[in-house]
Amino acid sequence: MKQFTYRVLLKREPEGGYTVTVPTLPGCITYGETVDEAIVMAKEAIGLYIESLVAHNEPVPDELNTLEYALTLEAAV
């Protein structure tokens, strides 16, 4: 078994709960009512996504060597 590292983004939804996206895996999106549930759902979605890639003999991307920064900017809007 190989370990993979993925960044997940949780967006709080106005109606409640969290939508989760995995930027490195296009289309890998899920939802959870709580942060903990969203993380559990993300792990499941990522696992299924990887299974599909393997089944179709496609490469499995990884974020192991990815650096991430958050920038705060001021803008007149």
Protein backbone atom coordinates (compact mmCIF):
# COMPACT_ATOMS: atom_id res chain seq x y z
CA MET A 1 0.00 0.00 0.00
CA LYS A 2 1.16 3.50 -0.81
CA GLN A 3 0.32 6.59 1.24
CA PHE A 4 -1.03 9.68 -0.49
CA THR A 5 -1.36 13.21 0.84
CA TYR A 6 -4.23 15.49 -0.22
CA ARG A 7 -5.34 18.96 0.77
CA VAL A 8 -9.09 19.28 1.32
CA LEU A 9 -11.05 22.51 1.40
CA LEU A 10 -14.17 22.80 3.54
CA LYS A 11 -16.66 25.53 2.67
CA ARG A 12 -19.40 26.32 5.18
CA GLU A 13 -22.73 26.38 3.37
CA PRO A 14 -25.41 29.00 4.15
CA GLU A 15 -28.03 26.29 4.71
CA GLY A 16 -25.66 24.41 7.03
CA GLY A 17 -23.00 21.77 6.69
CA TYR A 18 -19.79 21.78 4.69
CA THR A 19 -18.96 21.13 1.08
CA VAL A 20 -15.57 19.48 0.66
CA THR A 21 -13.40 19.70 -2.45
CA VAL A 22 -10.04 18.10 -3.20
CA PRO A 23 -8.19 20.47 -5.56
CA THR A 24 -5.72 17.85 -6.82
CA LEU A 25 -8.56 15.46 -7.74
CA PRO A 26 -10.88 17.34 -10.14
CA GLY A 27 -14.53 16.55 -9.48
CA CYS A 28 -13.85 14.97 -6.09
CA ILE A 29 -16.52 16.76 -4.06
CA THR A 30 -18.53 15.64 -1.05
CA TYR A 31 -20.55 17.06 1.84
CA GLY A 32 -20.93 16.63 5.59
CA GLU A 33 -23.24 18.12 8.20
CA THR A 34 -20.31 18.70 10.59
CA VAL A 35 -16.56 19.17 10.10
CA ASP A 36 -15.93 15.65 11.45
CA GLU A 37 -18.51 14.13 9.10
CA ALA A 38 -17.13 16.15 6.18
CA ILE A 39 -13.63 14.75 6.84
CA VAL A 40 -14.96 11.18 7.00
CA MET A 41 -16.84 11.73 3.74
CA ALA A 42 -13.72 13.26 2.15
CA LYS A 43 -11.65 10.19 3.01
CA GLU A 44 -14.30 7.95 1.47
CA ALA A 45 -14.58 10.10 -1.67
CA ILE A 46 -10.80 10.20 -2.12
CA GLY A 47 -10.58 6.42 -1.69
CA LEU A 48 -13.24 5.84 -4.34
CA TYR A 49 -11.60 8.36 -6.67
CA ILE A 50 -8.25 6.58 -6.37
CA GLU A 51 -9.91 3.19 -6.95
CA SER A 52 -11.40 4.54 -10.17
CA LEU A 53 -8.04 5.92 -11.34
CA VAL A 54 -6.35 2.58 -10.69
CA ALA A 55 -9.15 0.65 -12.42
CA HIS A 56 -8.69 2.83 -15.51
CA ASN A 57 -4.87 2.59 -15.42
CA GLU A 58 -4.57 6.33 -14.85
CA PRO A 59 -1.85 7.94 -12.71
CA VAL A 60 -2.73 8.78 -9.12
CA PRO A 61 -1.71 12.37 -8.31
CA ASP A 62 -0.24 13.30 -4.94
CA GLU A 63 0.45 16.58 -3.14
CA LEU A 64 3.51 15.34 -1.28
CA ASN A 65 5.81 17.95 -2.86
CA THR A 66 3.25 20.77 -2.98
CA LEU A 67 3.76 23.95 -0.97
CA GLU A 68 0.76 26.01 0.03
CA TYR A 69 0.48 29.66 0.98
CA ALA A 70 -2.49 31.77 1.98
CA LEU A 71 -2.28 35.39 0.88
CA THR A 72 -4.34 38.27 2.24
CA LEU A 73 -4.74 41.26 -0.06
CA GLU A 74 -6.62 44.52 0.15
CA ALA A 75 -8.63 45.53 -2.88
CA ALA A 76 -11.08 48.28 -3.66
CA VAL A 77 -14.31 46.56 -4.60
